[in-house]
């Protein structure tokens, strides 16, 4: 059983959606979904998860944006509520990026974070 969160906890920019769709076509992953989430690790406590998946899990929240299915597990949604997932093609500092209001501090490389206190 899949759960739909209304609204989905993460906003994806048109640039991010377009780049993900281009990558899916190039990698022959057109039937897959984009998974966004967090997992324990990295130098600050949590690191972001960005990958393609063929099968949704029962705890997944899901949305569809311009034909792209996006998944986020319910635990990650707590840490990503209100976040924005963006893409920039800049030569320096370009690529995919989360802007996350739930972050107390980022690591130096920007791939992991320590969350603010999350109310349960």
C-alpha atoms as a PDB file:
ATOM      1  CA  UNK A   1       0.000   0.000   0.000  1.00  0.00           C
ATOM      2  CA  UNK A   2       1.371   3.407  -0.946  1.00  0.00           C
ATOM      3  CA  UNK A   3       0.595   6.595   0.932  1.00  0.00           C
ATOM      4  CA  UNK A   4       0.171  10.000  -0.681  1.00  0.00           C
ATOM      5  CA  UNK A   5       1.223  12.995   1.386  1.00  0.00           C
ATOM      6  CA  UNK A   6      -0.630  16.143   0.568  1.00  0.00           C
ATOM      7  CA  UNK A   7       1.337  18.149  -0.192  1.00  0.00           C
ATOM      8  CA  UNK A   8       4.438  16.108  -0.986  1.00  0.00           C
ATOM      9  CA  UNK A   9       7.194  17.127   1.500  1.00  0.00           C
ATOM     10  CA  UNK A  10       9.738  18.171  -1.173  1.00  0.00           C
ATOM     11  CA  UNK A  11       9.340  20.735  -3.941  1.00  0.00           C
ATOM     12  CA  UNK A  12      11.160  19.933  -7.180  1.00  0.00           C
ATOM     13  CA  UNK A  13      12.130  22.797  -9.463  1.00  0.00           C
ATOM     14  CA  UNK A  14      11.430  22.542 -13.205  1.00  0.00           C
ATOM     15  CA  UNK A  15      15.224  22.439 -13.781  1.00  0.00           C
ATOM     16  CA  UNK A  16      15.574  19.410 -11.479  1.00  0.00           C
ATOM     17  CA  UNK A  17      12.630  17.582 -13.081  1.00  0.00           C
ATOM     18  CA  UNK A  18      14.005  18.234 -16.570  1.00  0.00           C
ATOM     19  CA  UNK A  19      17.512  17.028 -15.690  1.00  0.00           C
ATOM     20  CA  UNK A  20      16.208  13.890 -13.945  1.00  0.00           C
ATOM     21  CA  UNK A  21      14.083  13.041 -16.978  1.00  0.00           C
ATOM     22  CA  UNK A  22      17.095  13.529 -19.293  1.00  0.00           C
ATOM     23  CA  UNK A  23      19.200  11.262 -17.070  1.00  0.00           C
ATOM     24  CA  UNK A  24      16.477   8.601 -16.976  1.00  0.00           C
ATOM     25  CA  UNK A  25      16.267   8.572 -20.764  1.00  0.00           C
ATOM     26  CA  UNK A  26      20.059   8.401 -21.137  1.00  0.00           C
ATOM     27  CA  UNK A  27      20.338   5.574 -18.584  1.00  0.00           C
ATOM     28  CA  UNK A  28      17.275   3.688 -19.966  1.00  0.00           C
ATOM     29  CA  UNK A  29      15.405   4.111 -16.659  1.00  0.00           C
ATOM     30  CA  UNK A  30      12.215   5.536 -18.162  1.00  0.00           C
ATOM     31  CA  UNK A  31       9.939   3.233 -16.116  1.00  0.00           C
ATOM     32  CA  UNK A  32      11.655   4.018 -12.823  1.00  0.00           C
ATOM     33  CA  UNK A  33      10.799   6.522 -10.120  1.00  0.00           C
ATOM     34  CA  UNK A  34      13.091   9.069  -8.518  1.00  0.00           C
ATOM     35  CA  UNK A  35      13.721   8.362  -4.829  1.00  0.00           C
ATOM     36  CA  UNK A  36      14.632  11.307  -2.604  1.00  0.00           C
ATOM     37  CA  UNK A  37      15.406  10.737   1.046  1.00  0.00           C
ATOM     38  CA  UNK A  38      17.949  10.780   3.842  1.00  0.00           C
ATOM     39  CA  UNK A  39      19.954   8.104   5.610  1.00  0.00           C
ATOM     40  CA  UNK A  40      22.286   8.070   8.576  1.00  0.00           C
ATOM     41  CA  UNK A  41      25.893   8.720   7.659  1.00  0.00           C
ATOM     42  CA  UNK A  42      28.200  11.310   6.241  1.00  0.00           C
ATOM     43  CA  UNK A  43      30.351  13.599   8.322  1.00  0.00           C
ATOM     44  CA  UNK A  44      27.409  15.514   9.857  1.00  0.00           C
ATOM     45  CA  UNK A  45      24.960  12.737  10.750  1.00  0.00           C
ATOM     46  CA  UNK A  46      22.634  12.410   7.737  1.00  0.00           C
ATOM     47  CA  UNK A  47      23.253  12.293   4.016  1.00  0.00           C
ATOM     48  CA  UNK A  48      20.855  12.761   1.130  1.00  0.00           C
ATOM     49  CA  UNK A  49      19.608   9.862  -0.990  1.00  0.00           C
ATOM     50  CA  UNK A  50      19.003  10.422  -4.714  1.00  0.00           C
ATOM     51  CA  UNK A  51      18.494   7.343  -6.871  1.00  0.00           C
ATOM     52  CA  UNK A  52      16.231   5.606  -9.367  1.00  0.00           C
ATOM     53  CA  UNK A  53      13.998   2.761  -8.181  1.00  0.00           C
ATOM     54  CA  UNK A  54      11.741   0.365 -10.021  1.00  0.00           C
ATOM     55  CA  UNK A  55       9.500  -0.612  -7.081  1.00  0.00           C
ATOM     56  CA  UNK A  56       7.890   1.590  -4.424  1.00  0.00           C
ATOM     57  CA  UNK A  57       7.895   0.460  -0.792  1.00  0.00           C
ATOM     58  CA  UNK A  58       4.805   0.312   1.465  1.00  0.00           C
ATOM     59  CA  UNK A  59       6.055   3.271   3.562  1.00  0.00           C
ATOM     60  CA  UNK A  60       6.620   5.499   0.514  1.00  0.00           C
ATOM     61  CA  UNK A  61       4.939   8.809  -0.090  1.00  0.00           C
ATOM     62  CA  UNK A  62       4.618   9.542  -3.785  1.00  0.00           C
ATOM     63  CA  UNK A  63       3.795  12.280  -6.196  1.00  0.00           C
ATOM     64  CA  UNK A  64       3.935  12.803  -9.940  1.00  0.00           C
ATOM     65  CA  UNK A  65       5.402  15.934 -11.494  1.00  0.00           C
ATOM     66  CA  UNK A  66       5.279  16.382 -15.264  1.00  0.00           C
ATOM     67  CA  UNK A  67       5.216  12.612 -15.806  1.00  0.00           C
ATOM     68  CA  UNK A  68       7.989  11.940 -13.271  1.00  0.00           C
ATOM     69  CA  UNK A  69       7.107   9.734 -10.284  1.00  0.00           C
ATOM     70  CA  UNK A  70       8.895  10.830  -7.118  1.00  0.00           C
ATOM     71  CA  UNK A  71       9.129   8.701  -3.958  1.00  0.00           C
ATOM     72  CA  UNK A  72      10.101   9.619  -0.395  1.00  0.00           C
ATOM     73  CA  UNK A  73       9.848   7.269   2.567  1.00  0.00           C
ATOM     74  CA  UNK A  74       7.832   8.511   5.559  1.00  0.00           C
ATOM     75  CA  UNK A  75      10.880   8.706   7.868  1.00  0.00           C
ATOM     76  CA  UNK A  76      12.842  10.842   5.413  1.00  0.00           C
ATOM     77  CA  UNK A  77       9.814  13.089   4.897  1.00  0.00           C
ATOM     78  CA  UNK A  78      10.175  14.339   8.488  1.00  0.00           C
ATOM     79  CA  UNK A  79      13.682  15.660   7.697  1.00  0.00           C
ATOM     80  CA  UNK A  80      12.771  16.901   4.211  1.00  0.00           C
ATOM     81  CA  UNK A  81       9.459  18.671   4.947  1.00  0.00           C
ATOM     82  CA  UNK A  82       9.583  22.014   3.128  1.00  0.00           C
ATOM     83  CA  UNK A  83      12.829  21.217   1.266  1.00  0.00           C
ATOM     84  CA  UNK A  84      13.477  22.129  -2.365  1.00  0.00           C
ATOM     85  CA  UNK A  85      15.364  19.884  -4.795  1.00  0.00           C
ATOM     86  CA  UNK A  86      17.013  21.899  -7.568  1.00  0.00           C
ATOM     87  CA  UNK A  87      19.498  21.501 -10.413  1.00  0.00           C
ATOM     88  CA  UNK A  88      21.928  24.019 -11.815  1.00  0.00           C
ATOM     89  CA  UNK A  89      24.269  23.474 -14.724  1.00  0.00           C
ATOM     90  CA  UNK A  90      26.878  25.917 -13.363  1.00  0.00           C
ATOM     91  CA  UNK A  91      30.476  24.836 -13.934  1.00  0.00           C
ATOM     92  CA  UNK A  92      31.392  25.600 -10.320  1.00  0.00           C
ATOM     93  CA  UNK A  93      28.990  24.355  -7.679  1.00  0.00           C
ATOM     94  CA  UNK A  94      26.553  22.941 -10.237  1.00  0.00           C
ATOM     95  CA  UNK A  95      24.498  19.776 -10.033  1.00  0.00           C
ATOM     96  CA  UNK A  96      21.623  18.674  -7.835  1.00  0.00           C
ATOM     97  CA  UNK A  97      21.108  20.489  -4.555  1.00  0.00           C
ATOM     98  CA  UNK A  98      18.713  20.338  -1.616  1.00  0.00           C
ATOM     99  CA  UNK A  99      17.705  23.542   0.141  1.00  0.00           C
ATOM    100  CA  UNK A 100      16.410  22.185   3.430  1.00  0.00           C
ATOM    101  CA  UNK A 101      14.886  24.322   6.223  1.00  0.00           C
ATOM    102  CA  UNK A 102      15.384  21.456   8.702  1.00  0.00           C
ATOM    103  CA  UNK A 103      19.190  21.688   8.657  1.00  0.00           C
ATOM    104  CA  UNK A 104      21.046  23.032  11.687  1.00  0.00           C
ATOM    105  CA  UNK A 105      24.437  22.751   9.949  1.00  0.00           C
ATOM    106  CA  UNK A 106      25.927  21.308   6.754  1.00  0.00           C
ATOM    107  CA  UNK A 107      29.262  19.604   6.316  1.00  0.00           C
ATOM    108  CA  UNK A 108      31.936  21.391   4.319  1.00  0.00           C
ATOM    109  CA  UNK A 109      31.279  19.434   1.134  1.00  0.00           C
ATOM    110  CA  UNK A 110      27.494  19.948   1.343  1.00  0.00           C
ATOM    111  CA  UNK A 111      26.499  16.291   1.011  1.00  0.00           C
ATOM    112  CA  UNK A 112      25.561  15.678   4.633  1.00  0.00           C
ATOM    113  CA  UNK A 113      23.816  17.613   7.393  1.00  0.00           C
ATOM    114  CA  UNK A 114      22.891  17.707  11.041  1.00  0.00           C
ATOM    115  CA  UNK A 115      19.148  18.313  11.513  1.00  0.00           C
ATOM    116  CA  UNK A 116      17.450  20.881  13.711  1.00  0.00           C
ATOM    117  CA  UNK A 117      15.487  19.394  16.595  1.00  0.00           C
ATOM    118  CA  UNK A 118      12.425  17.791  14.980  1.00  0.00           C
ATOM    119  CA  UNK A 119       9.258  17.826  17.103  1.00  0.00           C
ATOM    120  CA  UNK A 120       7.590  14.413  17.251  1.00  0.00           C
END
